[in-house]
PDB file of N, CA and C in Angstrom:
ATOM      1  N   UNK A   1       0.836  -1.183   0.000  1.00  0.00           N
ATOM      2  CA  UNK A   1       0.000   0.000   0.000  1.00  0.00           C
ATOM      3  C   UNK A   1       0.884   1.250   0.000  1.00  0.00           C
ATOM      4  N   UNK A   2       0.430   2.264  -0.730  1.00  0.00           N
ATOM      5  CA  UNK A   2       1.188   3.512  -0.785  1.00  0.00           C
ATOM      6  C   UNK A   2       1.128   4.230   0.546  1.00  0.00           C
ATOM      7  N   UNK A   3       2.247   4.796   0.923  1.00  0.00           N
ATOM      8  CA  UNK A   3       2.280   5.619   2.128  1.00  0.00           C
ATOM      9  C   UNK A   3       2.264   7.103   1.780  1.00  0.00           C
ATOM     10  N   UNK A   4       2.762   7.431   0.599  1.00  0.00           N
ATOM     11  CA  UNK A   4       2.767   8.824   0.145  1.00  0.00           C
ATOM     12  C   UNK A   4       2.044   8.912  -1.191  1.00  0.00           C
ATOM     13  N   UNK A   5       1.338   9.994  -1.426  1.00  0.00           N
ATOM     14  CA  UNK A   5       0.686  10.159  -2.738  1.00  0.00           C
ATOM     15  C   UNK A   5       1.727  10.361  -3.834  1.00  0.00           C
ATOM     16  N   UNK A   6       1.396   9.881  -5.013  1.00  0.00           N
ATOM     17  CA  UNK A   6       2.284  10.065  -6.162  1.00  0.00           C
ATOM     18  C   UNK A   6       1.503  10.741  -7.287  1.00  0.00           C
ATOM     19  N   UNK A   7       2.239  11.272  -8.237  1.00  0.00           N
ATOM     20  CA  UNK A   7       1.611  11.899  -9.400  1.00  0.00           C
ATOM     21  C   UNK A   7       1.192  10.884 -10.449  1.00  0.00           C
ATOM     22  N   UNK A   8       1.562   9.603 -10.252  1.00  0.00           N
ATOM     23  CA  UNK A   8       1.227   8.595 -11.257  1.00  0.00           C
ATOM     24  C   UNK A   8      -0.273   8.477 -11.481  1.00  0.00           C
ATOM     25  N   UNK A   9      -1.060   8.534 -10.419  1.00  0.00           N
ATOM     26  CA  UNK A   9      -2.497   8.312 -10.581  1.00  0.00           C
ATOM     27  C   UNK A   9      -3.168   9.474 -11.314  1.00  0.00           C
ATOM     28  N   UNK A  10      -2.998  10.728 -10.887  1.00  0.00           N
ATOM     29  CA  UNK A  10      -3.641  11.799 -11.668  1.00  0.00           C
ATOM     30  C   UNK A  10      -3.106  11.903 -13.092  1.00  0.00           C
ATOM     31  N   UNK A  11      -1.802  11.734 -13.270  1.00  0.00           N
ATOM     32  CA  UNK A  11      -1.244  11.770 -14.625  1.00  0.00           C
ATOM     33  C   UNK A  11      -1.731  10.578 -15.436  1.00  0.00           C
ATOM     34  N   UNK A  12      -1.850   9.426 -14.794  1.00  0.00           N
ATOM     35  CA  UNK A  12      -2.350   8.238 -15.474  1.00  0.00           C
ATOM     36  C   UNK A  12      -3.789   8.419 -15.924  1.00  0.00           C
ATOM     37  N   UNK A  13      -4.616   9.012 -15.087  1.00  0.00           N
ATOM     38  CA  UNK A  13      -6.011   9.252 -15.456  1.00  0.00           C
ATOM     39  C   UNK A  13      -6.090  10.232 -16.622  1.00  0.00           C
ATOM     40  N   UNK A  14      -5.303  11.298 -16.561  1.00  0.00           N
ATOM     41  CA  UNK A  14      -5.292  12.255 -17.674  1.00  0.00           C
ATOM     42  C   UNK A  14      -4.785  11.598 -18.956  1.00  0.00           C
ATOM     43  N   UNK A  15      -3.739  10.772 -18.826  1.00  0.00           N
ATOM     44  CA  UNK A  15      -3.226  10.050 -19.990  1.00  0.00           C
ATOM     45  C   UNK A  15      -4.246   9.078 -20.554  1.00  0.00           C
ATOM     46  N   UNK A  16      -4.942   8.392 -19.667  1.00  0.00           N
ATOM     47  CA  UNK A  16      -5.969   7.455 -20.108  1.00  0.00           C
ATOM     48  C   UNK A  16      -7.095   8.184 -20.830  1.00  0.00           C
ATOM     49  N   UNK A  17      -7.537   9.304 -20.290  1.00  0.00           N
ATOM     50  CA  UNK A  17      -8.586  10.089 -20.954  1.00  0.00           C
ATOM     51  C   UNK A  17      -8.133  10.587 -22.320  1.00  0.00           C
ATOM     52  N   UNK A  18      -6.890  11.044 -22.400  1.00  0.00           N
ATOM     53  CA  UNK A  18      -6.355  11.524 -23.679  1.00  0.00           C
ATOM     54  C   UNK A  18      -6.258  10.382 -24.687  1.00  0.00           C
ATOM     55  N   UNK A  19      -5.764   9.226 -24.241  1.00  0.00           N
ATOM     56  CA  UNK A  19      -5.620   8.078 -25.138  1.00  0.00           C
ATOM     57  C   UNK A  19      -6.980   7.576 -25.608  1.00  0.00           C
ATOM     58  N   UNK A  20      -7.948   7.510 -24.703  1.00  0.00           N
ATOM     59  CA  UNK A  20      -9.282   7.052 -25.097  1.00  0.00           C
ATOM     60  C   UNK A  20      -9.955   8.034 -26.050  1.00  0.00           C
ATOM     61  N   UNK A  21      -9.727   9.321 -25.834  1.00  0.00           N
ATOM     62  CA  UNK A  21     -10.276  10.316 -26.745  1.00  0.00           C
ATOM     63  C   UNK A  21      -9.655  10.167 -28.134  1.00  0.00           C
ATOM     64  N   UNK A  22      -8.347  10.015 -28.179  1.00  0.00           N
ATOM     65  CA  UNK A  22      -7.656   9.837 -29.466  1.00  0.00           C
ATOM     66  C   UNK A  22      -8.121   8.550 -30.149  1.00  0.00           C
ATOM     67  N   UNK A  23      -8.281   7.479 -29.380  1.00  0.00           N
ATOM     68  CA  UNK A  23      -8.747   6.207 -29.944  1.00  0.00           C
ATOM     69  C   UNK A  23     -10.166   6.359 -30.486  1.00  0.00           C
ATOM     70  N   UNK A  24     -11.039   6.997 -29.724  1.00  0.00           N
ATOM     71  CA  UNK A  24     -12.411   7.200 -30.183  1.00  0.00           C
ATOM     72  C   UNK A  24     -12.484   8.032 -31.447  1.00  0.00           C
ATOM     73  N   UNK A  25     -11.686   9.093 -31.505  1.00  0.00           N
ATOM     74  CA  UNK A  25     -11.661   9.939 -32.701  1.00  0.00           C
ATOM     75  C   UNK A  25     -11.115   9.150 -33.893  1.00  0.00           C
ATOM     76  N   UNK A  26     -10.090   8.349 -33.662  1.00  0.00           N
ATOM     77  CA  UNK A  26      -9.524   7.540 -34.743  1.00  0.00           C
ATOM     78  C   UNK A  26     -10.544   6.527 -35.263  1.00  0.00           C
ATOM     79  N   UNK A  27     -11.237   5.858 -34.366  1.00  0.00           N
ATOM     80  CA  UNK A  27     -12.257   4.894 -34.789  1.00  0.00           C
ATOM     81  C   UNK A  27     -13.386   5.602 -35.531  1.00  0.00           C
ATOM     82  N   UNK A  28     -13.845   6.729 -35.004  1.00  0.00           N
ATOM     83  CA  UNK A  28     -14.944   7.460 -35.636  1.00  0.00           C
ATOM     84  C   UNK A  28     -14.540   8.056 -36.985  1.00  0.00           C
ATOM     85  N   UNK A  29     -13.245   8.312 -37.164  1.00  0.00           N
ATOM     86  CA  UNK A  29     -12.774   8.892 -38.421  1.00  0.00           C
ATOM     87  C   UNK A  29     -12.505   7.832 -39.482  1.00  0.00           C
ATOM     88  N   UNK A  30     -11.845   6.747 -39.082  1.00  0.00           N
ATOM     89  CA  UNK A  30     -11.369   5.776 -40.072  1.00  0.00           C
ATOM     90  C   UNK A  30     -12.284   4.573 -40.280  1.00  0.00           C
ATOM     91  N   UNK A  31     -13.094   4.200 -39.312  1.00  0.00           N
ATOM     92  CA  UNK A  31     -13.941   3.018 -39.479  1.00  0.00           C
ATOM     93  C   UNK A  31     -15.101   3.231 -40.461  1.00  0.00           C
ATOM     94  N   UNK A  32     -15.838   4.332 -40.381  1.00  0.00           N
ATOM     95  CA  UNK A  32     -16.995   4.462 -41.289  1.00  0.00           C
ATOM     96  C   UNK A  32     -16.667   4.363 -42.790  1.00  0.00           C
ATOM     97  N   UNK A  33     -15.602   4.998 -43.273  1.00  0.00           N
ATOM     98  CA  UNK A  33     -15.317   4.827 -44.705  1.00  0.00           C
ATOM     99  C   UNK A  33     -14.957   3.381 -45.075  1.00  0.00           C
ATOM    100  N   UNK A  34     -14.378   2.649 -44.133  1.00  0.00           N
ATOM    101  CA  UNK A  34     -13.979   1.275 -44.435  1.00  0.00           C
ATOM    102  C   UNK A  34     -15.141   0.295 -44.371  1.00  0.00           C
ATOM    103  N   UNK A  35     -16.053   0.500 -43.440  1.00  0.00           N
ATOM    104  CA  UNK A  35     -17.125  -0.490 -43.243  1.00  0.00           C
ATOM    105  C   UNK A  35     -18.515   0.089 -43.496  1.00  0.00           C
ATOM    106  N   UNK A  36     -18.604   1.281 -44.008  1.00  0.00           N
ATOM    107  CA  UNK A  36     -19.878   1.962 -44.178  1.00  0.00           C
ATOM    108  C   UNK A  36     -20.862   1.258 -45.086  1.00  0.00           C
ATOM    109  N   UNK A  37     -20.393   0.476 -46.012  1.00  0.00           N
ATOM    110  CA  UNK A  37     -21.289  -0.210 -46.949  1.00  0.00           C
ATOM    111  C   UNK A  37     -21.563  -1.652 -46.551  1.00  0.00           C
ATOM    112  N   UNK A  38     -21.024  -2.074 -45.432  1.00  0.00           N
ATOM    113  CA  UNK A  38     -21.269  -3.427 -44.945  1.00  0.00           C
ATOM    114  C   UNK A  38     -22.682  -3.522 -44.376  1.00  0.00           C
ATOM    115  N   UNK A  39     -23.198  -4.732 -44.250  1.00  0.00           N
ATOM    116  CA  UNK A  39     -24.501  -4.896 -43.572  1.00  0.00           C
ATOM    117  C   UNK A  39     -24.420  -4.405 -42.121  1.00  0.00           C
ATOM    118  N   UNK A  40     -25.548  -3.957 -41.599  1.00  0.00           N
ATOM    119  CA  UNK A  40     -25.581  -3.368 -40.254  1.00  0.00           C
ATOM    120  C   UNK A  40     -25.069  -4.328 -39.189  1.00  0.00           C
ATOM    121  N   UNK A  41     -25.384  -5.611 -39.305  1.00  0.00           N
ATOM    122  CA  UNK A  41     -24.930  -6.574 -38.307  1.00  0.00           C
ATOM    123  C   UNK A  41     -23.412  -6.710 -38.321  1.00  0.00           C
ATOM    124  N   UNK A  42     -22.816  -6.715 -39.493  1.00  0.00           N
ATOM    125  CA  UNK A  42     -21.360  -6.793 -39.588  1.00  0.00           C
ATOM    126  C   UNK A  42     -20.715  -5.535 -39.008  1.00  0.00           C
ATOM    127  N   UNK A  43     -21.311  -4.381 -39.275  1.00  0.00           N
ATOM    128  CA  UNK A  43     -20.799  -3.142 -38.696  1.00  0.00           C
ATOM    129  C   UNK A  43     -20.887  -3.179 -37.179  1.00  0.00           C
ATOM    130  N   UNK A  44     -21.994  -3.684 -36.662  1.00  0.00           N
ATOM    131  CA  UNK A  44     -22.163  -3.770 -35.209  1.00  0.00           C
ATOM    132  C   UNK A  44     -21.080  -4.643 -34.580  1.00  0.00           C
ATOM    133  N   UNK A  45     -20.761  -5.752 -35.225  1.00  0.00           N
ATOM    134  CA  UNK A  45     -19.704  -6.634 -34.704  1.00  0.00           C
ATOM    135  C   UNK A  45     -18.372  -5.902 -34.676  1.00  0.00           C
ATOM    136  N   UNK A  46     -18.054  -5.185 -35.747  1.00  0.00           N
ATOM    137  CA  UNK A  46     -16.789  -4.440 -35.803  1.00  0.00           C
ATOM    138  C   UNK A  46     -16.737  -3.402 -34.687  1.00  0.00           C
ATOM    139  N   UNK A  47     -17.815  -2.657 -34.499  1.00  0.00           N
ATOM    140  CA  UNK A  47     -17.822  -1.620 -33.468  1.00  0.00           C
ATOM    141  C   UNK A  47     -17.765  -2.213 -32.062  1.00  0.00           C
ATOM    142  N   UNK A  48     -18.381  -3.366 -31.849  1.00  0.00           N
ATOM    143  CA  UNK A  48     -18.281  -4.024 -30.540  1.00  0.00           C
ATOM    144  C   UNK A  48     -16.846  -4.458 -30.287  1.00  0.00           C
ATOM    145  N   UNK A  49     -16.205  -5.044 -31.287  1.00  0.00           N
ATOM    146  CA  UNK A  49     -14.802  -5.461 -31.132  1.00  0.00           C
ATOM    147  C   UNK A  49     -13.918  -4.246 -30.866  1.00  0.00           C
ATOM    148  N   UNK A  50     -14.098  -3.177 -31.628  1.00  0.00           N
ATOM    149  CA  UNK A  50     -13.306  -1.970 -31.417  1.00  0.00           C
ATOM    150  C   UNK A  50     -13.599  -1.331 -30.063  1.00  0.00           C
ATOM    151  N   UNK A  51     -14.805  -1.505 -29.574  1.00  0.00           N
ATOM    152  CA  UNK A  51     -15.159  -0.974 -28.268  1.00  0.00           C
ATOM    153  C   UNK A  51     -14.561  -1.754 -27.117  1.00  0.00           C
ATOM    154  N   UNK A  52     -14.156  -2.996 -27.366  1.00  0.00           N
ATOM    155  CA  UNK A  52     -13.580  -3.835 -26.314  1.00  0.00           C
ATOM    156  C   UNK A  52     -12.049  -3.866 -26.395  1.00  0.00           C
ATOM    157  N   UNK A  53     -11.500  -3.623 -27.581  1.00  0.00           N
ATOM    158  CA  UNK A  53     -10.047  -3.726 -27.791  1.00  0.00           C
ATOM    159  C   UNK A  53      -9.254  -2.814 -26.855  1.00  0.00           C
ATOM    160  N   UNK A  54      -9.782  -1.640 -26.558  1.00  0.00           N
ATOM    161  CA  UNK A  54      -9.038  -0.698 -25.714  1.00  0.00           C
ATOM    162  C   UNK A  54      -8.834  -1.239 -24.299  1.00  0.00           C
ATOM    163  N   UNK A  55      -9.616  -2.244 -23.907  1.00  0.00           N
ATOM    164  CA  UNK A  55      -9.464  -2.813 -22.565  1.00  0.00           C
ATOM    165  C   UNK A  55      -8.214  -3.678 -22.429  1.00  0.00           C
ATOM    166  N   UNK A  56      -7.686  -4.179 -23.541  1.00  0.00           N
ATOM    167  CA  UNK A  56      -6.552  -5.116 -23.477  1.00  0.00           C
ATOM    168  C   UNK A  56      -5.333  -4.549 -22.744  1.00  0.00           C
ATOM    169  N   UNK A  57      -4.859  -3.330 -23.040  1.00  0.00           N
ATOM    170  CA  UNK A  57      -3.690  -2.821 -22.316  1.00  0.00           C
ATOM    171  C   UNK A  57      -4.035  -2.179 -20.974  1.00  0.00           C
ATOM    172  N   UNK A  58      -5.313  -2.119 -20.626  1.00  0.00           N
ATOM    173  CA  UNK A  58      -5.726  -1.377 -19.440  1.00  0.00           C
ATOM    174  C   UNK A  58      -5.183  -1.991 -18.149  1.00  0.00           C
ATOM    175  N   UNK A  59      -5.123  -3.311 -18.047  1.00  0.00           N
ATOM    176  CA  UNK A  59      -4.659  -3.954 -16.813  1.00  0.00           C
ATOM    177  C   UNK A  59      -3.245  -3.529 -16.454  1.00  0.00           C
ATOM    178  N   UNK A  60      -2.345  -3.611 -17.415  1.00  0.00           N
ATOM    179  CA  UNK A  60      -0.950  -3.222 -17.141  1.00  0.00           C
ATOM    180  C   UNK A  60      -0.832  -1.735 -16.825  1.00  0.00           C
ATOM    181  N   UNK A  61      -1.637  -0.935 -17.485  1.00  0.00           N
ATOM    182  CA  UNK A  61      -1.621   0.503 -17.231  1.00  0.00           C
ATOM    183  C   UNK A  61      -2.081   0.797 -15.807  1.00  0.00           C
ATOM    184  N   UNK A  62      -3.138   0.130 -15.361  1.00  0.00           N
ATOM    185  CA  UNK A  62      -3.619   0.334 -13.996  1.00  0.00           C
ATOM    186  C   UNK A  62      -2.607  -0.171 -12.970  1.00  0.00           C
ATOM    187  N   UNK A  63      -1.918  -1.263 -13.276  1.00  0.00           N
ATOM    188  CA  UNK A  63      -0.851  -1.750 -12.381  1.00  0.00           C
ATOM    189  C   UNK A  63       0.237  -0.697 -12.278  1.00  0.00           C
ATOM    190  N   UNK A  64       0.620  -0.096 -13.413  1.00  0.00           N
ATOM    191  CA  UNK A  64       1.640   0.948 -13.381  1.00  0.00           C
ATOM    192  C   UNK A  64       1.173   2.127 -12.543  1.00  0.00           C
ATOM    193  N   UNK A  65      -0.077   2.527 -12.708  1.00  0.00           N
ATOM    194  CA  UNK A  65      -0.580   3.667 -11.938  1.00  0.00           C
ATOM    195  C   UNK A  65      -0.497   3.393 -10.444  1.00  0.00           C
ATOM    196  N   UNK A  66      -0.746   2.165 -10.045  1.00  0.00           N
ATOM    197  CA  UNK A  66      -0.787   1.838  -8.629  1.00  0.00           C
ATOM    198  C   UNK A  66       0.603   1.556  -8.050  1.00  0.00           C
ATOM    199  N   UNK A  67       1.462   0.871  -8.827  1.00  0.00           N
ATOM    200  CA  UNK A  67       2.750   0.418  -8.258  1.00  0.00           C
ATOM    201  C   UNK A  67       3.968   1.092  -8.855  1.00  0.00           C
ATOM    202  N   UNK A  68       3.873   1.609 -10.067  1.00  0.00           N
ATOM    203  CA  UNK A  68       5.035   2.168 -10.731  1.00  0.00           C
ATOM    204  C   UNK A  68       5.765   1.151 -11.586  1.00  0.00           C
ATOM    205  N   UNK A  69       5.288  -0.087 -11.597  1.00  0.00           N
ATOM    206  CA  UNK A  69       5.858  -1.152 -12.441  1.00  0.00           C
ATOM    207  C   UNK A  69       4.836  -1.555 -13.484  1.00  0.00           C
ATOM    208  N   UNK A  70       5.294  -2.074 -14.626  1.00  0.00           N
ATOM    209  CA  UNK A  70       4.399  -2.445 -15.708  1.00  0.00           C
ATOM    210  C   UNK A  70       3.862  -3.873 -15.615  1.00  0.00           C
ATOM    211  N   UNK A  71       4.373  -4.634 -14.695  1.00  0.00           N
ATOM    212  CA  UNK A  71       3.906  -6.042 -14.636  1.00  0.00           C
ATOM    213  C   UNK A  71       3.679  -6.518 -13.245  1.00  0.00           C
TER     214      UNK A  71
END
């Protein structure tokens, strides 16, 4: 357990918000031209997958925010 506050958590939250915003803008910009003519069900699957993909690196990032180590 931490005994002193660190800047990792507030900076990590700001970094996470910035990264998620950039990811959302990238998906909203580049996905529609690529899949816009696909059937709605196929588009829904792509958007669900893209909506879950950002969770993959989140565990290690949260560990870093809490401990200062990546693993």
